C-alpha atoms as a PDB file:
ATOM      1  CA  MET A   1       7.125  10.540  26.824  1.00  0.00           C
ATOM      2  CA  ALA A   2       6.216  14.182  27.330  1.00  0.00           C
ATOM      3  CA  ARG A   3       2.636  15.108  26.616  1.00  0.00           C
ATOM      4  CA  GLY A   4       2.102  16.401  23.089  1.00  0.00           C
ATOM      5  CA  ARG A   5       5.414  15.083  21.773  1.00  0.00           C
ATOM      6  CA  PRO A   6       5.564  12.118  19.422  1.00  0.00           C
ATOM      7  CA  SER A   7       7.198   8.958  20.757  1.00  0.00           C
ATOM      8  CA  LYS A   8      10.738   8.180  19.708  1.00  0.00           C
ATOM      9  CA  LYS A   9       9.488   4.846  18.405  1.00  0.00           C
ATOM     10  CA  GLY A  10       7.055   6.710  16.142  1.00  0.00           C
ATOM     11  CA  LEU A  11       9.717   9.172  15.010  1.00  0.00           C
ATOM     12  CA  ILE A  12      12.037   6.313  14.148  1.00  0.00           C
ATOM     13  CA  ALA A  13       9.352   4.487  12.140  1.00  0.00           C
ATOM     14  CA  ASP A  14       8.399   7.697  10.314  1.00  0.00           C
ATOM     15  CA  ALA A  15      12.039   8.415   9.466  1.00  0.00           C
ATOM     16  CA  ALA A  16      12.523   4.849   8.266  1.00  0.00           C
ATOM     17  CA  LEU A  17       9.431   5.040   6.048  1.00  0.00           C
ATOM     18  CA  LYS A  18      10.746   8.225   4.467  1.00  0.00           C
ATOM     19  CA  LEU A  19      14.034   6.498   3.696  1.00  0.00           C
ATOM     20  CA  PHE A  20      12.468   3.208   2.553  1.00  0.00           C
ATOM     21  CA  LYS A  21      10.307   5.141   0.071  1.00  0.00           C
ATOM     22  CA  VAL A  22      13.393   6.685  -1.508  1.00  0.00           C
ATOM     23  CA  ALA A  23      16.084   4.025  -1.191  1.00  0.00           C
ATOM     24  CA  GLY A  24      14.228   0.760  -0.622  1.00  0.00           C
ATOM     25  CA  TYR A  25      15.018  -1.767   2.069  1.00  0.00           C
ATOM     26  CA  GLN A  26      18.549  -2.652   1.076  1.00  0.00           C
ATOM     27  CA  GLY A  27      19.451   0.981   0.360  1.00  0.00           C
ATOM     28  CA  THR A  28      18.388   2.148   3.823  1.00  0.00           C
ATOM     29  CA  SER A  29      20.759   1.722   6.722  1.00  0.00           C
ATOM     30  CA  ILE A  30      20.181   2.064  10.437  1.00  0.00           C
ATOM     31  CA  ASP A  31      22.775   4.859  10.413  1.00  0.00           C
ATOM     32  CA  GLN A  32      20.603   6.782   7.938  1.00  0.00           C
ATOM     33  CA  VAL A  33      17.559   6.213  10.154  1.00  0.00           C
ATOM     34  CA  VAL A  34      19.522   7.537  13.132  1.00  0.00           C
ATOM     35  CA  LEU A  35      20.342  10.736  11.239  1.00  0.00           C
ATOM     36  CA  GLU A  36      16.841  11.172   9.789  1.00  0.00           C
ATOM     37  CA  ALA A  37      15.100  10.598  13.139  1.00  0.00           C
ATOM     38  CA  ALA A  38      17.686  12.658  15.044  1.00  0.00           C
ATOM     39  CA  VAL A  39      18.068   9.982  17.706  1.00  0.00           C
ATOM     40  CA  SER A  40      20.988   7.885  18.885  1.00  0.00           C
ATOM     41  CA  LYS A  41      21.825   4.483  17.465  1.00  0.00           C
ATOM     42  CA  PRO A  42      21.157   2.822  20.861  1.00  0.00           C
ATOM     43  CA  THR A  43      17.691   4.438  20.844  1.00  0.00           C
ATOM     44  CA  VAL A  44      16.929   2.919  17.454  1.00  0.00           C
ATOM     45  CA  TYR A  45      18.179  -0.509  18.506  1.00  0.00           C
ATOM     46  CA  SER A  46      16.339  -0.404  21.835  1.00  0.00           C
ATOM     47  CA  ASN A  47      13.080   0.143  19.932  1.00  0.00           C
ATOM     48  CA  TYR A  48      13.871  -1.996  16.870  1.00  0.00           C
ATOM     49  CA  PRO A  49      16.596  -4.619  17.417  1.00  0.00           C
ATOM     50  CA  SER A  50      16.974  -5.097  13.646  1.00  0.00           C
ATOM     51  CA  LYS A  51      16.220  -3.339  10.393  1.00  0.00           C
ATOM     52  CA  LEU A  52      13.858  -6.179   9.546  1.00  0.00           C
ATOM     53  CA  LEU A  53      11.777  -5.507  12.677  1.00  0.00           C
ATOM     54  CA  LEU A  54      11.755  -1.812  11.815  1.00  0.00           C
ATOM     55  CA  TRP A  55      10.475  -2.625   8.317  1.00  0.00           C
ATOM     56  CA  GLN A  56       7.774  -4.841   9.848  1.00  0.00           C
ATOM     57  CA  GLU A  57       6.573  -1.932  11.985  1.00  0.00           C
ATOM     58  CA  VAL A  58       6.577   0.405   8.999  1.00  0.00           C
ATOM     59  CA  LEU A  59       4.602  -2.164   7.009  1.00  0.00           C
ATOM     60  CA  ARG A  60       2.060  -2.516   9.858  1.00  0.00           C
ATOM     61  CA  GLN A  61       1.573   1.250   9.811  1.00  0.00           C
ATOM     62  CA  ILE A  62       1.094   1.212   6.034  1.00  0.00           C
ATOM     63  CA  ILE A  63      -1.564  -1.497   6.459  1.00  0.00           C
ATOM     64  CA  GLU A  64      -3.392   0.519   9.132  1.00  0.00           C
ATOM     65  CA  ARG A  65      -3.379   3.711   7.031  1.00  0.00           C
ATOM     66  CA  SER A  66      -4.474   1.764   3.957  1.00  0.00           C
ATOM     67  CA  ALA A  67      -7.391   0.137   5.769  1.00  0.00           C
ATOM     68  CA  LEU A  68      -8.583   3.506   7.047  1.00  0.00           C
ATOM     69  CA  GLN A  69      -8.186   5.201   3.671  1.00  0.00           C
ATOM     70  CA  LEU A  70     -10.053   2.436   1.839  1.00  0.00           C
ATOM     71  CA  ALA A  71     -12.875   2.430   4.406  1.00  0.00           C
ATOM     72  CA  GLN A  72     -13.311   6.177   3.962  1.00  0.00           C
ATOM     73  CA  LEU A  73     -13.229   5.825   0.181  1.00  0.00           C
ATOM     74  CA  GLU A  74     -15.782   3.000   0.240  1.00  0.00           C
ATOM     75  CA  THR A  75     -18.150   5.094   2.321  1.00  0.00           C
ATOM     76  CA  SER A  76     -17.749   8.029  -0.029  1.00  0.00           C
ATOM     77  CA  LEU A  77     -18.293   5.885  -3.131  1.00  0.00           C
ATOM     78  CA  LYS A  78     -21.414   4.266  -1.677  1.00  0.00           C
ATOM     79  CA  GLN A  79     -22.871   7.670  -0.853  1.00  0.00           C
ATOM     80  CA  SER A  80     -22.160   8.964  -4.348  1.00  0.00           C
ATOM     81  CA  SER A  81     -23.969   6.050  -6.045  1.00  0.00           C
ATOM     82  CA  CYS A  82     -21.424   6.080  -8.850  1.00  0.00           C
ATOM     83  CA  ARG A  83     -21.176   3.509 -11.619  1.00  0.00           C
ATOM     84  CA  PHE A  84     -19.309   0.296 -10.938  1.00  0.00           C
ATOM     85  CA  SER A  85     -16.411   1.176 -13.228  1.00  0.00           C
ATOM     86  CA  ASP A  86     -15.980   4.657 -11.762  1.00  0.00           C
ATOM     87  CA  GLY A  87     -15.798   3.303  -8.220  1.00  0.00           C
ATOM     88  CA  TRP A  88     -13.524   0.430  -9.212  1.00  0.00           C
ATOM     89  CA  LEU A  89     -11.117   2.843 -10.881  1.00  0.00           C
ATOM     90  CA  ALA A  90     -11.277   5.261  -7.947  1.00  0.00           C
ATOM     91  CA  ILE A  91     -10.220   2.444  -5.630  1.00  0.00           C
ATOM     92  CA  TRP A  92      -7.288   1.555  -7.887  1.00  0.00           C
ATOM     93  CA  GLN A  93      -6.331   5.201  -8.375  1.00  0.00           C
ATOM     94  CA  THR A  94      -6.272   5.737  -4.619  1.00  0.00           C
ATOM     95  CA  TRP A  95      -4.315   2.542  -4.023  1.00  0.00           C
ATOM     96  CA  SER A  96      -1.756   3.244  -6.729  1.00  0.00           C
ATOM     97  CA  THR A  97      -0.942   6.820  -5.783  1.00  0.00           C
ATOM     98  CA  ALA A  98       0.167   6.289  -2.175  1.00  0.00           C
ATOM     99  CA  ASP A  99       3.956   6.512  -1.955  1.00  0.00           C
ATOM    100  CA  ASP A 100       4.122   4.283   1.104  1.00  0.00           C
ATOM    101  CA  ARG A 101       2.186   1.455  -0.570  1.00  0.00           C
ATOM    102  CA  LEU A 102       4.261   1.759  -3.723  1.00  0.00           C
ATOM    103  CA  ALA A 103       7.410   1.501  -1.607  1.00  0.00           C
ATOM    104  CA  ALA A 104       6.004  -1.642   0.018  1.00  0.00           C
ATOM    105  CA  TYR A 105       5.423  -3.192  -3.415  1.00  0.00           C
ATOM    106  CA  ARG A 106       8.877  -2.212  -4.651  1.00  0.00           C
ATOM    107  CA  ILE A 107      10.523  -3.671  -1.575  1.00  0.00           C
ATOM    108  CA  HIS A 108       8.400  -6.793  -1.536  1.00  0.00           C
ATOM    109  CA  TRP A 109       8.774  -7.571  -5.226  1.00  0.00           C
ATOM    110  CA  GLY A 110      12.306  -6.291  -5.750  1.00  0.00           C
ATOM    111  CA  GLU A 111      14.037  -7.196  -2.499  1.00  0.00           C
ATOM    112  CA  GLN A 112      12.160 -10.309  -1.454  1.00  0.00           C
ATOM    113  CA  HIS A 113      15.385 -12.247  -0.954  1.00  0.00           C
ATOM    114  CA  LYS A 114      16.159 -10.013   2.043  1.00  0.00           C
ATOM    115  CA  LEU A 115      12.802 -10.571   3.742  1.00  0.00           C
ATOM    116  CA  SER A 116      11.327 -13.310   5.913  1.00  0.00           C
ATOM    117  CA  GLN A 117       7.976 -15.121   6.036  1.00  0.00           C
ATOM    118  CA  ASP A 118       6.764 -12.518   8.549  1.00  0.00           C
ATOM    119  CA  GLU A 119       7.116  -9.772   5.946  1.00  0.00           C
ATOM    120  CA  GLN A 120       5.380 -11.985   3.382  1.00  0.00           C
ATOM    121  CA  HIS A 121       2.421 -12.369   5.750  1.00  0.00           C
ATOM    122  CA  LEU A 122       2.340  -8.627   6.402  1.00  0.00           C
ATOM    123  CA  PHE A 123       2.480  -7.893   2.692  1.00  0.00           C
ATOM    124  CA  ASP A 124      -0.342 -10.388   2.118  1.00  0.00           C
ATOM    125  CA  SER A 125      -2.332  -8.491   4.753  1.00  0.00           C
ATOM    126  CA  LEU A 126      -1.686  -5.252   2.891  1.00  0.00           C
ATOM    127  CA  GLU A 127      -2.940  -6.709  -0.372  1.00  0.00           C
ATOM    128  CA  ALA A 128      -5.912  -8.254   1.456  1.00  0.00           C
ATOM    129  CA  GLU A 129      -7.088  -4.728   2.279  1.00  0.00           C
ATOM    130  CA  LEU A 130      -7.262  -3.907  -1.427  1.00  0.00           C
ATOM    131  CA  VAL A 131      -8.789  -7.247  -2.411  1.00  0.00           C
ATOM    132  CA  GLY A 132     -11.438  -6.997   0.293  1.00  0.00           C
ATOM    133  CA  CYS A 133     -12.433  -3.501  -0.771  1.00  0.00           C
ATOM    134  CA  LEU A 134     -12.636  -4.493  -4.434  1.00  0.00           C
ATOM    135  CA  LYS A 135     -14.684  -7.621  -3.687  1.00  0.00           C
ATOM    136  CA  ARG A 136     -17.128  -5.630  -1.557  1.00  0.00           C
ATOM    137  CA  TRP A 137     -17.481  -3.129  -4.429  1.00  0.00           C
ATOM    138  CA  LEU A 138     -18.128  -6.002  -6.830  1.00  0.00           C
ATOM    139  CA  ALA A 139     -20.778  -7.478  -4.505  1.00  0.00           C
ATOM    140  CA  LEU A 140     -22.411  -4.093  -3.911  1.00  0.00           C
ATOM    141  CA  HIS A 141     -23.072  -3.894  -7.639  1.00  0.00           C
ATOM    142  CA  GLY A 142     -24.399  -7.437  -7.816  1.00  0.00           C
ATOM    143  CA  LEU A 143     -21.562  -8.726  -9.950  1.00  0.00           C
ATOM    144  CA  ALA A 144     -20.358 -12.303  -9.676  1.00  0.00           C
ATOM    145  CA  GLU A 145     -17.015 -12.905  -8.024  1.00  0.00           C
ATOM    146  CA  SER A 146     -15.977 -14.762 -11.171  1.00  0.00           C
ATOM    147  CA  TYR A 147     -15.271 -11.340 -12.721  1.00  0.00           C
ATOM    148  CA  PHE A 148     -12.744 -10.524 -10.028  1.00  0.00           C
ATOM    149  CA  PHE A 149      -9.612 -12.184 -11.404  1.00  0.00           C
ATOM    150  CA  THR A 150      -9.870 -10.550 -14.817  1.00  0.00           C
ATOM    151  CA  LEU A 151     -10.800  -7.134 -13.444  1.00  0.00           C
ATOM    152  CA  PHE A 152      -8.016  -7.318 -10.865  1.00  0.00           C
ATOM    153  CA  ALA A 153      -5.386  -8.363 -13.427  1.00  0.00           C
ATOM    154  CA  VAL A 154      -6.364  -5.669 -15.927  1.00  0.00           C
ATOM    155  CA  SER A 155      -6.500  -2.971 -13.258  1.00  0.00           C
ATOM    156  CA  ARG A 156      -3.203  -4.006 -11.710  1.00  0.00           C
ATOM    157  CA  GLU A 157      -1.565  -3.848 -15.123  1.00  0.00           C
ATOM    158  CA  ALA A 158      -3.118  -0.462 -15.922  1.00  0.00           C
ATOM    159  CA  TYR A 159      -2.695   1.278 -12.556  1.00  0.00           C
ATOM    160  CA  LEU A 160      -0.370  -0.380 -10.094  1.00  0.00           C
ATOM    161  CA  LEU A 161       2.479  -1.650 -12.257  1.00  0.00           C
ATOM    162  CA  PRO A 162       3.052   1.664 -14.068  1.00  0.00           C
ATOM    163  CA  ALA A 163       2.964   3.484 -10.715  1.00  0.00           C
ATOM    164  CA  ILE A 164       5.547   1.114  -9.243  1.00  0.00           C
ATOM    165  CA  ARG A 165       7.754   1.612 -12.295  1.00  0.00           C
ATOM    166  CA  GLN A 166       7.094   5.373 -12.169  1.00  0.00           C
ATOM    167  CA  ARG A 167       5.698   5.395 -15.693  1.00  0.00           C
ATOM    168  CA  GLN A 168       2.476   6.468 -17.322  1.00  0.00           C
ATOM    169  CA  SER A 169      -0.173   3.846 -17.924  1.00  0.00           C
ATOM    170  CA  GLU A 170      -0.675   2.940 -21.553  1.00  0.00           C
ATOM    171  CA  CYS A 171      -4.325   2.031 -21.009  1.00  0.00           C
ATOM    172  CA  VAL A 172      -6.378   4.902 -22.402  1.00  0.00           C
ATOM    173  CA  ASN A 173     -10.012   3.886 -21.910  1.00  0.00           C
ATOM    174  CA  LEU A 174      -9.894   1.652 -18.877  1.00  0.00           C
ATOM    175  CA  ALA A 175     -13.394   2.640 -17.734  1.00  0.00           C
ATOM    176  CA  GLN A 176     -14.824   1.466 -21.072  1.00  0.00           C
ATOM    177  CA  LEU A 177     -12.835  -1.744 -20.866  1.00  0.00           C
ATOM    178  CA  ILE A 178     -14.101  -2.429 -17.335  1.00  0.00           C
ATOM    179  CA  GLU A 179     -17.691  -1.804 -18.448  1.00  0.00           C
ATOM    180  CA  LYS A 180     -17.264  -4.221 -21.353  1.00  0.00           C
ATOM    181  CA  LEU A 181     -15.773  -6.874 -19.094  1.00  0.00           C
ATOM    182  CA  VAL A 182     -18.771  -6.812 -16.758  1.00  0.00           C
ATOM    183  CA  GLU A 183     -21.511  -6.563 -19.392  1.00  0.00           C
ATOM    184  CA  THR A 184     -23.972  -9.408 -19.077  1.00  0.00           C
END
């Protein structure tokens, strides 16, 4: 690889992510990746012997970016000393507005029949990034982990599911609801 130029493997994964975000797993072909990455088909197959392995690499990259983004957000929220509900919602807002994560959810939930256990484990790792961040936020505010399930379910319904469906959330006062749920 020439200095300063991105690797072909990286270009291929980036092109695939762009296509997966628009067309999903089943709707993306290796031929489309070849065109988008401006590389030859043998180059794609020498780096990723199957579309499934290419998706796994894309998913690993999404996990890495997500972990970094959540770590930065956590640091920022801790420094701001914001209320529990404001931080909780900021985490969900950040999680639910990333196109690459939304594509991962759409593919995982909508095209699961095409995927293997390896993708399931990778997807679980992606969700573990969110869960870990939320549980640390809960603990930072001295709230019992028993609140987690309800808060997670309500927030997923209000933020993530509408984003995946590309609709507006119907939950108007989620911050007030979160505060009521954690009142002691």
